[in-house]
């Protein structure tokens, strides 16, 4: 009973300190665009574009063919890198199958293997997201928020090419997860 009262009191004090949604509206400034790079995208291929040149593109050119090709190439490169890392892991685990008599050395090797396998598991999940992002490019949905349909933004996509939510929608989702759990 005392535990229920304590948790109820904690929830009540937490709710009183929570900011309302009207107060929590973040203000964002647009990423600074370099005017010298503004027209470079017209003469270059998607493979030759840099992040700064993509950011300098005018807003009315959002998710044009060159941007889509640029992000497709980035995603494909990331996918190829992850797949080559997976092959290296397989070879590394095969090489380290020798029997080590010292329990401390054996434990160290097993811990290294466990860490490597956890890393590969995260990369496997990232590969799935990359494949989904490439499919979104093909479908014409890439660069737009799943929840609101608004543009995600070039800065966010350059930082996280697999993003499917705009920054505000992602913040709302994380706040819900924090408050209510997964």
N, C-alpha and C. Protein backbone atom coordinates (compact mmCIF):
# COMPACT_ATOMS: atom_id res chain seq x y z
N UNK A 1 0.81 -1.19 0.00
CA UNK A 1 0.00 0.00 0.00
C UNK A 1 0.86 1.25 0.00
N UNK A 2 1.91 1.28 0.82
CA UNK A 2 2.79 2.45 0.87
C UNK A 2 3.47 2.66 -0.47
N UNK A 3 3.77 1.55 -1.17
CA UNK A 3 4.40 1.65 -2.47
C UNK A 3 3.45 2.29 -3.48
N UNK A 4 2.17 1.96 -3.43
CA UNK A 4 1.18 2.55 -4.33
C UNK A 4 1.05 4.04 -4.07
N UNK A 5 1.02 4.43 -2.82
CA UNK A 5 0.90 5.84 -2.48
C UNK A 5 2.14 6.59 -2.96
N UNK A 6 3.30 6.00 -2.78
CA UNK A 6 4.54 6.65 -3.20
C UNK A 6 4.58 6.83 -4.71
N UNK A 7 4.18 5.78 -5.45
CA UNK A 7 4.22 5.90 -6.90
C UNK A 7 3.18 6.88 -7.40
N UNK A 8 2.00 6.94 -6.75
CA UNK A 8 0.98 7.90 -7.14
C UNK A 8 1.48 9.32 -6.87
N UNK A 9 2.13 9.52 -5.74
CA UNK A 9 2.67 10.84 -5.41
C UNK A 9 3.77 11.23 -6.40
N UNK A 10 4.59 10.26 -6.77
CA UNK A 10 5.66 10.55 -7.73
C UNK A 10 5.08 10.93 -9.08
N UNK A 11 4.05 10.20 -9.53
CA UNK A 11 3.41 10.52 -10.80
C UNK A 11 2.79 11.90 -10.75
N UNK A 12 2.13 12.23 -9.65
CA UNK A 12 1.48 13.53 -9.53
C UNK A 12 2.51 14.65 -9.58
N UNK A 13 3.63 14.49 -8.88
CA UNK A 13 4.65 15.54 -8.90
C UNK A 13 5.31 15.62 -10.26
N UNK A 14 5.43 14.51 -10.95
CA UNK A 14 6.02 14.50 -12.28
C UNK A 14 5.11 15.21 -13.27
N UNK A 15 3.82 14.96 -13.19
CA UNK A 15 2.88 15.58 -14.11
C UNK A 15 2.82 17.08 -13.93
N UNK A 16 3.01 17.57 -12.71
CA UNK A 16 2.96 19.01 -12.49
C UNK A 16 4.19 19.71 -13.05
N UNK A 17 5.28 18.98 -13.19
CA UNK A 17 6.50 19.61 -13.71
C UNK A 17 6.65 19.42 -15.21
N UNK A 18 5.76 18.65 -15.81
CA UNK A 18 5.83 18.42 -17.25
C UNK A 18 5.42 19.69 -17.99
N UNK A 19 6.19 20.11 -19.00
CA UNK A 19 5.77 21.27 -19.78
C UNK A 19 4.60 20.89 -20.68
N UNK A 20 3.75 21.83 -20.93
CA UNK A 20 2.63 21.57 -21.84
C UNK A 20 3.15 21.62 -23.26
N UNK A 21 2.37 21.08 -24.19
CA UNK A 21 2.83 21.03 -25.57
C UNK A 21 2.94 22.43 -26.16
N UNK A 22 2.16 23.38 -25.68
CA UNK A 22 2.25 24.74 -26.19
C UNK A 22 3.59 25.37 -25.81
N UNK A 23 4.12 25.03 -24.64
CA UNK A 23 5.40 25.58 -24.21
C UNK A 23 6.57 24.85 -24.83
N UNK A 24 6.40 23.62 -25.20
CA UNK A 24 7.50 22.78 -25.64
C UNK A 24 7.77 22.90 -27.14
N UNK A 25 7.15 23.84 -27.83
CA UNK A 25 7.38 23.97 -29.26
C UNK A 25 8.81 24.45 -29.50
N UNK A 26 9.65 23.60 -30.10
CA UNK A 26 11.03 24.01 -30.34
C UNK A 26 11.11 24.99 -31.50
N UNK A 27 12.10 25.81 -31.48
CA UNK A 27 12.33 26.71 -32.60
C UNK A 27 13.56 26.22 -33.34
N UNK A 28 13.45 26.13 -34.65
CA UNK A 28 14.55 25.63 -35.46
C UNK A 28 14.98 26.72 -36.43
N UNK A 29 16.25 26.78 -36.66
CA UNK A 29 16.76 27.69 -37.66
C UNK A 29 17.16 26.87 -38.87
N UNK A 30 16.95 27.41 -40.02
CA UNK A 30 17.31 26.69 -41.24
C UNK A 30 18.82 26.56 -41.32
N UNK A 31 19.25 25.46 -41.89
CA UNK A 31 20.69 25.25 -42.06
C UNK A 31 21.22 26.33 -43.00
N UNK A 32 22.40 26.81 -42.69
CA UNK A 32 22.99 27.88 -43.47
C UNK A 32 23.41 27.33 -44.83
N UNK A 33 22.93 27.96 -45.88
CA UNK A 33 23.25 27.51 -47.22
C UNK A 33 24.35 28.38 -47.79
N UNK A 34 25.29 27.75 -48.44
CA UNK A 34 26.40 28.48 -49.05
C UNK A 34 25.96 28.94 -50.44
N UNK A 35 25.83 30.25 -50.66
CA UNK A 35 25.35 30.73 -51.96
C UNK A 35 26.30 30.39 -53.10
N UNK A 36 27.58 30.17 -52.80
CA UNK A 36 28.55 29.82 -53.85
C UNK A 36 28.26 28.43 -54.43
N UNK A 37 27.63 27.58 -53.62
CA UNK A 37 27.36 26.21 -54.06
C UNK A 37 25.94 26.02 -54.60
N UNK A 38 25.15 27.07 -54.59
CA UNK A 38 23.72 26.96 -54.90
C UNK A 38 23.42 26.36 -56.26
N UNK A 39 24.27 26.62 -57.25
CA UNK A 39 23.97 26.13 -58.60
C UNK A 39 24.90 25.00 -59.05
N UNK A 40 25.78 24.53 -58.18
CA UNK A 40 26.70 23.46 -58.55
C UNK A 40 25.98 22.17 -58.93
N UNK A 41 24.83 21.91 -58.32
CA UNK A 41 24.12 20.67 -58.56
C UNK A 41 23.62 20.57 -60.00
N UNK A 42 23.50 21.70 -60.69
CA UNK A 42 22.98 21.68 -62.06
C UNK A 42 24.00 21.11 -63.05
N UNK A 43 25.28 21.28 -62.73
CA UNK A 43 26.32 20.84 -63.66
C UNK A 43 26.99 19.53 -63.28
N UNK A 44 26.74 19.06 -62.08
CA UNK A 44 27.39 17.84 -61.60
C UNK A 44 26.43 16.67 -61.61
N UNK A 45 27.01 15.47 -61.68
CA UNK A 45 26.18 14.28 -61.54
C UNK A 45 25.94 14.03 -60.05
N UNK A 46 25.00 13.17 -59.74
CA UNK A 46 24.67 12.87 -58.34
C UNK A 46 25.86 12.27 -57.61
N UNK A 47 26.68 11.49 -58.30
CA UNK A 47 27.83 10.85 -57.67
C UNK A 47 28.91 11.87 -57.30
N UNK A 48 28.96 13.00 -58.01
CA UNK A 48 29.98 14.01 -57.76
C UNK A 48 29.57 15.02 -56.70
N UNK A 49 28.30 15.04 -56.32
CA UNK A 49 27.81 16.03 -55.35
C UNK A 49 28.36 15.78 -53.96
N UNK A 50 28.60 16.86 -53.23
CA UNK A 50 29.02 16.76 -51.83
C UNK A 50 27.81 17.06 -50.95
N UNK A 51 27.96 16.78 -49.65
CA UNK A 51 26.88 17.08 -48.71
C UNK A 51 26.54 18.57 -48.73
N UNK A 52 27.57 19.42 -48.76
CA UNK A 52 27.34 20.87 -48.75
C UNK A 52 26.59 21.32 -50.00
N UNK A 53 26.89 20.72 -51.14
CA UNK A 53 26.20 21.09 -52.38
C UNK A 53 24.74 20.64 -52.34
N UNK A 54 24.48 19.50 -51.75
CA UNK A 54 23.09 19.04 -51.62
C UNK A 54 22.33 19.98 -50.68
N UNK A 55 22.96 20.38 -49.58
CA UNK A 55 22.33 21.31 -48.64
C UNK A 55 22.05 22.66 -49.28
N UNK A 56 22.91 23.08 -50.23
CA UNK A 56 22.77 24.39 -50.86
C UNK A 56 21.68 24.43 -51.93
N UNK A 57 21.13 23.29 -52.27
CA UNK A 57 20.08 23.27 -53.28
C UNK A 57 18.87 24.06 -52.81
N UNK A 58 18.16 24.69 -53.74
CA UNK A 58 16.98 25.45 -53.34
C UNK A 58 15.88 24.54 -52.77
N UNK A 59 15.08 25.11 -51.87
CA UNK A 59 14.02 24.34 -51.22
C UNK A 59 13.00 23.79 -52.20
N UNK A 60 12.76 24.50 -53.30
CA UNK A 60 11.77 24.02 -54.25
C UNK A 60 12.27 22.85 -55.09
N UNK A 61 13.54 22.49 -54.93
CA UNK A 61 14.10 21.32 -55.61
C UNK A 61 14.19 20.10 -54.69
N UNK A 62 13.45 20.12 -53.58
CA UNK A 62 13.52 19.05 -52.59
C UNK A 62 13.14 17.71 -53.22
N UNK A 63 13.99 16.72 -53.03
CA UNK A 63 13.85 15.35 -53.51
C UNK A 63 13.68 15.29 -55.03
N UNK A 64 14.52 16.08 -55.71
CA UNK A 64 14.56 15.97 -57.16
C UNK A 64 15.37 14.72 -57.52
N UNK A 65 15.50 14.45 -58.81
CA UNK A 65 16.17 13.22 -59.25
C UNK A 65 17.62 13.14 -58.77
N UNK A 66 18.33 14.27 -58.77
CA UNK A 66 19.73 14.25 -58.35
C UNK A 66 19.84 13.95 -56.86
N UNK A 67 18.96 14.51 -56.05
CA UNK A 67 19.00 14.23 -54.62
C UNK A 67 18.66 12.76 -54.36
N UNK A 68 17.67 12.26 -55.05
CA UNK A 68 17.31 10.85 -54.88
C UNK A 68 18.48 9.94 -55.28
N UNK A 69 19.14 10.27 -56.40
CA UNK A 69 20.30 9.48 -56.82
C UNK A 69 21.44 9.60 -55.82
N UNK A 70 21.64 10.80 -55.27
CA UNK A 70 22.68 11.03 -54.26
C UNK A 70 22.44 10.15 -53.04
N UNK A 71 21.21 10.16 -52.53
CA UNK A 71 20.90 9.36 -51.34
C UNK A 71 20.91 7.87 -51.65
N UNK A 72 20.48 7.48 -52.84
CA UNK A 72 20.53 6.06 -53.23
C UNK A 72 21.98 5.58 -53.22
N UNK A 73 22.88 6.39 -53.76
CA UNK A 73 24.30 6.02 -53.80
C UNK A 73 24.87 5.94 -52.38
N UNK A 74 24.50 6.89 -51.52
CA UNK A 74 24.97 6.85 -50.13
C UNK A 74 24.49 5.58 -49.42
N UNK A 75 23.21 5.28 -49.59
CA UNK A 75 22.64 4.10 -48.94
C UNK A 75 23.28 2.82 -49.48
N UNK A 76 23.50 2.76 -50.78
CA UNK A 76 24.10 1.57 -51.38
C UNK A 76 25.53 1.38 -50.89
N UNK A 77 26.29 2.49 -50.76
CA UNK A 77 27.65 2.41 -50.26
C UNK A 77 27.66 1.91 -48.81
N UNK A 78 26.75 2.43 -48.00
CA UNK A 78 26.65 2.00 -46.61
C UNK A 78 26.29 0.52 -46.54
N UNK A 79 25.38 0.10 -47.40
CA UNK A 79 24.97 -1.31 -47.43
C UNK A 79 26.14 -2.22 -47.81
N UNK A 80 26.90 -1.81 -48.83
CA UNK A 80 28.06 -2.60 -49.26
C UNK A 80 29.10 -2.70 -48.15
N UNK A 81 29.34 -1.59 -47.44
CA UNK A 81 30.30 -1.60 -46.33
C UNK A 81 29.86 -2.57 -45.23
N UNK A 82 28.59 -2.53 -44.89
CA UNK A 82 28.09 -3.42 -43.84
C UNK A 82 28.18 -4.88 -44.25
N UNK A 83 27.89 -5.16 -45.51
CA UNK A 83 27.97 -6.55 -45.99
C UNK A 83 29.42 -7.05 -45.99
N UNK A 84 30.36 -6.19 -46.34
CA UNK A 84 31.76 -6.62 -46.31
C UNK A 84 32.22 -6.84 -44.86
N UNK A 85 31.73 -6.02 -43.93
CA UNK A 85 32.06 -6.22 -42.51
C UNK A 85 31.51 -7.55 -42.01
N UNK A 86 30.34 -7.93 -42.48
CA UNK A 86 29.74 -9.19 -42.05
C UNK A 86 30.61 -10.37 -42.51
N UNK A 87 31.15 -10.29 -43.71
CA UNK A 87 32.04 -11.34 -44.21
C UNK A 87 33.31 -11.44 -43.39
N UNK A 88 33.84 -10.29 -42.97
CA UNK A 88 35.04 -10.28 -42.14
C UNK A 88 34.76 -10.91 -40.78
N UNK A 89 33.59 -10.67 -40.24
CA UNK A 89 33.22 -11.25 -38.94
C UNK A 89 33.18 -12.77 -39.03
N UNK A 90 32.61 -13.28 -40.09
CA UNK A 90 32.53 -14.73 -40.27
C UNK A 90 33.93 -15.33 -40.30
N UNK A 91 34.82 -14.70 -41.06
CA UNK A 91 36.19 -15.20 -41.13
C UNK A 91 36.88 -15.10 -39.78
N UNK A 92 36.66 -13.99 -39.08
CA UNK A 92 37.30 -13.79 -37.77
C UNK A 92 36.84 -14.83 -36.77
N UNK A 93 35.56 -15.14 -36.75
CA UNK A 93 35.04 -16.13 -35.81
C UNK A 93 35.55 -17.53 -36.14
N UNK A 94 35.74 -17.82 -37.41
CA UNK A 94 36.28 -19.14 -37.80
C UNK A 94 37.73 -19.29 -37.38
N UNK A 95 38.50 -18.20 -37.48
CA UNK A 95 39.92 -18.26 -37.14
C UNK A 95 40.13 -18.48 -35.64
N UNK A 96 39.28 -17.93 -34.81
CA UNK A 96 39.47 -17.97 -33.36
C UNK A 96 38.79 -19.16 -32.69
N UNK A 97 38.70 -20.28 -33.37
CA UNK A 97 38.06 -21.45 -32.77
C UNK A 97 39.05 -22.34 -32.04
N UNK A 98 40.28 -21.87 -31.90
CA UNK A 98 41.29 -22.69 -31.20
C UNK A 98 40.93 -22.81 -29.72
N UNK A 99 41.36 -23.90 -29.12
CA UNK A 99 41.08 -24.17 -27.72
C UNK A 99 42.18 -23.52 -26.87
N UNK A 100 41.75 -22.69 -25.94
CA UNK A 100 42.69 -21.99 -25.07
C UNK A 100 42.54 -22.57 -23.67
N UNK A 101 43.62 -23.07 -23.08
CA UNK A 101 43.50 -23.71 -21.76
C UNK A 101 43.24 -22.74 -20.61
N UNK A 102 43.71 -21.51 -20.73
CA UNK A 102 43.54 -20.55 -19.64
C UNK A 102 42.10 -20.01 -19.62
N UNK A 103 41.38 -20.17 -18.51
CA UNK A 103 39.98 -19.71 -18.45
C UNK A 103 39.83 -18.20 -18.66
N UNK A 104 40.78 -17.41 -18.19
CA UNK A 104 40.69 -15.96 -18.36
C UNK A 104 40.84 -15.58 -19.84
N UNK A 105 41.77 -16.22 -20.53
CA UNK A 105 41.95 -15.95 -21.96
C UNK A 105 40.71 -16.40 -22.75
N UNK A 106 40.18 -17.56 -22.37
CA UNK A 106 38.99 -18.07 -23.04
C UNK A 106 37.82 -17.11 -22.84
N UNK A 107 37.67 -16.61 -21.62
CA UNK A 107 36.58 -15.67 -21.33
C UNK A 107 36.75 -14.38 -22.13
N UNK A 108 37.97 -13.90 -22.26
CA UNK A 108 38.23 -12.69 -23.05
C UNK A 108 37.85 -12.90 -24.51
N UNK A 109 38.24 -14.05 -25.05
CA UNK A 109 37.91 -14.35 -26.45
C UNK A 109 36.40 -14.45 -26.64
N UNK A 110 35.73 -15.13 -25.71
CA UNK A 110 34.27 -15.26 -25.81
C UNK A 110 33.57 -13.91 -25.70
N UNK A 111 34.09 -13.04 -24.84
CA UNK A 111 33.50 -11.70 -24.70
C UNK A 111 33.70 -10.88 -25.97
N UNK A 112 34.86 -11.00 -26.58
CA UNK A 112 35.11 -10.31 -27.85
C UNK A 112 34.18 -10.82 -28.93
N UNK A 113 33.95 -12.12 -28.97
CA UNK A 113 33.03 -12.70 -29.95
C UNK A 113 31.60 -12.21 -29.69
N UNK A 114 31.20 -12.18 -28.44
CA UNK A 114 29.85 -11.72 -28.10
C UNK A 114 29.67 -10.26 -28.51
N UNK A 115 30.66 -9.43 -28.26
CA UNK A 115 30.59 -8.03 -28.65
C UNK A 115 30.50 -7.88 -30.16
N UNK A 116 31.30 -8.65 -30.87
CA UNK A 116 31.28 -8.60 -32.32
C UNK A 116 29.93 -9.06 -32.88
N UNK A 117 29.38 -10.09 -32.28
CA UNK A 117 28.07 -10.57 -32.73
C UNK A 117 26.96 -9.57 -32.43
N UNK A 118 27.03 -8.87 -31.30
CA UNK A 118 26.05 -7.83 -31.00
C UNK A 118 26.15 -6.69 -32.01
N UNK A 119 27.38 -6.34 -32.35
CA UNK A 119 27.59 -5.29 -33.35
C UNK A 119 27.00 -5.71 -34.69
N UNK A 120 27.24 -6.94 -35.07
CA UNK A 120 26.70 -7.42 -36.35
C UNK A 120 25.17 -7.49 -36.32
N UNK A 121 24.60 -7.77 -35.16
CA UNK A 121 23.14 -7.79 -35.05
C UNK A 121 22.57 -6.39 -35.27
N UNK A 122 23.22 -5.39 -34.68
CA UNK A 122 22.78 -4.01 -34.92
C UNK A 122 22.92 -3.65 -36.40
N UNK A 123 24.02 -4.09 -37.00
CA UNK A 123 24.23 -3.81 -38.42
C UNK A 123 23.20 -4.54 -39.29
N UNK A 124 22.80 -5.73 -38.86
CA UNK A 124 21.76 -6.47 -39.60
C UNK A 124 20.46 -5.67 -39.61
N UNK A 125 20.11 -5.09 -38.45
CA UNK A 125 18.91 -4.27 -38.37
C UNK A 125 19.04 -3.02 -39.22
N UNK A 126 20.25 -2.45 -39.26
CA UNK A 126 20.49 -1.27 -40.10
C UNK A 126 20.37 -1.64 -41.57
N UNK A 127 20.85 -2.82 -41.95
CA UNK A 127 20.72 -3.28 -43.34
C UNK A 127 19.26 -3.33 -43.77
N UNK A 128 18.40 -3.78 -42.86
CA UNK A 128 16.98 -3.84 -43.16
C UNK A 128 16.43 -2.43 -43.40
N UNK A 129 16.83 -1.48 -42.55
CA UNK A 129 16.39 -0.10 -42.72
C UNK A 129 16.92 0.51 -44.02
N UNK A 130 18.15 0.17 -44.37
CA UNK A 130 18.72 0.67 -45.61
C UNK A 130 17.94 0.14 -46.81
N UNK A 131 17.62 -1.15 -46.78
CA UNK A 131 16.83 -1.74 -47.87
C UNK A 131 15.46 -1.09 -47.97
N UNK A 132 14.84 -0.81 -46.82
CA UNK A 132 13.55 -0.14 -46.82
C UNK A 132 13.67 1.28 -47.39
N UNK A 133 14.76 1.96 -47.08
CA UNK A 133 14.96 3.31 -47.58
C UNK A 133 15.16 3.31 -49.09
N UNK A 134 15.91 2.33 -49.59
CA UNK A 134 16.10 2.23 -51.04
C UNK A 134 14.76 1.94 -51.72
N UNK A 135 13.94 1.10 -51.11
CA UNK A 135 12.61 0.81 -51.66
C UNK A 135 11.74 2.07 -51.64
N UNK A 136 11.89 2.89 -50.60
CA UNK A 136 11.14 4.16 -50.53
C UNK A 136 11.57 5.11 -51.64
N UNK A 137 12.86 5.11 -51.97
CA UNK A 137 13.33 5.93 -53.08
C UNK A 137 12.67 5.47 -54.37
N UNK A 138 12.65 4.16 -54.58
CA UNK A 138 12.03 3.61 -55.79
C UNK A 138 10.54 3.93 -55.86
N UNK A 139 9.88 3.94 -54.69
CA UNK A 139 8.44 4.20 -54.66
C UNK A 139 8.11 5.69 -54.70
N UNK A 140 9.12 6.55 -54.50
CA UNK A 140 8.88 7.98 -54.51
C UNK A 140 8.46 8.55 -53.16
N UNK A 141 8.60 7.78 -52.09
CA UNK A 141 8.20 8.23 -50.75
C UNK A 141 9.37 8.74 -49.93
N UNK A 142 10.58 8.58 -50.42
CA UNK A 142 11.77 8.92 -49.63
C UNK A 142 11.84 10.43 -49.39
N UNK A 143 12.21 10.78 -48.16
CA UNK A 143 12.40 12.18 -47.81
C UNK A 143 11.18 12.83 -47.19
N UNK A 144 10.10 12.06 -47.06
CA UNK A 144 8.86 12.60 -46.49
C UNK A 144 8.47 11.78 -45.26
N UNK A 145 7.98 12.47 -44.25
CA UNK A 145 7.64 11.87 -42.97
C UNK A 145 6.50 10.86 -43.11
N UNK A 146 6.65 9.71 -42.46
CA UNK A 146 5.60 8.68 -42.47
C UNK A 146 4.33 9.15 -41.76
N UNK A 147 4.48 9.94 -40.72
CA UNK A 147 3.31 10.37 -39.93
C UNK A 147 2.62 11.59 -40.51
N UNK A 148 3.40 12.60 -40.89
CA UNK A 148 2.80 13.87 -41.29
C UNK A 148 2.81 14.11 -42.80
N UNK A 149 3.69 13.43 -43.52
CA UNK A 149 3.80 13.64 -44.96
C UNK A 149 4.62 14.87 -45.32
N UNK A 150 5.15 15.56 -44.32
CA UNK A 150 5.96 16.75 -44.56
C UNK A 150 7.39 16.33 -44.89
N UNK A 151 8.17 17.22 -45.53
CA UNK A 151 9.57 16.89 -45.81
C UNK A 151 10.36 16.66 -44.52
N UNK A 152 11.21 15.66 -44.54
CA UNK A 152 12.06 15.35 -43.38
C UNK A 152 13.16 16.39 -43.26
N UNK A 153 13.70 16.81 -44.36
CA UNK A 153 14.76 17.81 -44.37
C UNK A 153 16.09 17.20 -44.79
N UNK A 154 16.83 17.96 -45.59
CA UNK A 154 18.10 17.44 -46.10
C UNK A 154 19.12 17.24 -44.99
N UNK A 155 19.17 18.15 -44.04
CA UNK A 155 20.15 18.02 -42.95
C UNK A 155 19.95 16.74 -42.17
N UNK A 156 18.71 16.41 -41.86
CA UNK A 156 18.41 15.18 -41.13
C UNK A 156 18.73 13.96 -41.98
N UNK A 157 18.42 14.01 -43.27
CA UNK A 157 18.69 12.86 -44.14
C UNK A 157 20.18 12.66 -44.36
N UNK A 158 20.94 13.76 -44.39
CA UNK A 158 22.38 13.61 -44.52
C UNK A 158 22.97 12.98 -43.27
N UNK A 159 22.44 13.35 -42.12
CA UNK A 159 22.92 12.77 -40.86
C UNK A 159 22.45 11.35 -40.68
N UNK A 160 21.22 11.06 -41.10
CA UNK A 160 20.62 9.73 -40.92
C UNK A 160 19.81 9.41 -42.17
N UNK A 161 20.45 8.82 -43.19
CA UNK A 161 19.76 8.56 -44.45
C UNK A 161 18.57 7.61 -44.35
N UNK A 162 18.47 6.85 -43.25
CA UNK A 162 17.36 5.91 -43.11
C UNK A 162 16.18 6.51 -42.35
N UNK A 163 16.23 7.81 -42.05
CA UNK A 163 15.16 8.45 -41.28
C UNK A 163 13.83 8.37 -42.03
N UNK A 164 12.77 8.05 -41.29
CA UNK A 164 11.43 7.99 -41.88
C UNK A 164 10.49 8.99 -41.25
N UNK A 165 10.96 9.68 -40.21
CA UNK A 165 10.13 10.67 -39.51
C UNK A 165 10.83 12.02 -39.51
N UNK A 166 10.04 13.08 -39.62
CA UNK A 166 10.57 14.43 -39.45
C UNK A 166 11.03 14.58 -38.00
N UNK A 167 11.84 15.57 -37.75
CA UNK A 167 12.42 15.75 -36.42
C UNK A 167 11.34 15.89 -35.35
N UNK A 168 10.32 16.67 -35.63
CA UNK A 168 9.25 16.88 -34.64
C UNK A 168 8.49 15.59 -34.36
N UNK A 169 8.20 14.83 -35.41
CA UNK A 169 7.49 13.55 -35.23
C UNK A 169 8.35 12.56 -34.45
N UNK A 170 9.66 12.55 -34.72
CA UNK A 170 10.56 11.66 -33.99
C UNK A 170 10.62 12.06 -32.52
N UNK A 171 10.64 13.35 -32.24
CA UNK A 171 10.67 13.81 -30.85
C UNK A 171 9.38 13.41 -30.13
N UNK A 172 8.24 13.53 -30.81
CA UNK A 172 6.97 13.11 -30.20
C UNK A 172 6.99 11.62 -29.90
N UNK A 173 7.48 10.83 -30.84
CA UNK A 173 7.54 9.38 -30.64
C UNK A 173 8.46 9.03 -29.46
N UNK A 174 9.61 9.68 -29.37
CA UNK A 174 10.53 9.40 -28.27
C UNK A 174 9.94 9.82 -26.93
N UNK A 175 9.20 10.93 -26.92
CA UNK A 175 8.56 11.38 -25.69
C UNK A 175 7.51 10.36 -25.24
N UNK A 176 6.72 9.84 -26.18
CA UNK A 176 5.72 8.82 -25.85
C UNK A 176 6.40 7.56 -25.32
N UNK A 177 7.49 7.15 -25.96
CA UNK A 177 8.21 5.96 -25.50
C UNK A 177 8.76 6.17 -24.10
N UNK A 178 9.24 7.36 -23.83
CA UNK A 178 9.79 7.65 -22.52
C UNK A 178 8.69 7.63 -21.46
N UNK A 179 7.52 8.16 -21.81
CA UNK A 179 6.43 8.24 -20.85
C UNK A 179 5.71 6.91 -20.67
N UNK A 180 5.48 6.20 -21.75
CA UNK A 180 4.65 4.99 -21.70
C UNK A 180 5.42 3.70 -21.93
N UNK A 181 6.68 3.78 -22.26
CA UNK A 181 7.47 2.58 -22.54
C UNK A 181 7.22 2.10 -23.95
N UNK A 182 7.90 1.05 -24.31
CA UNK A 182 7.76 0.51 -25.68
C UNK A 182 6.49 -0.23 -25.76
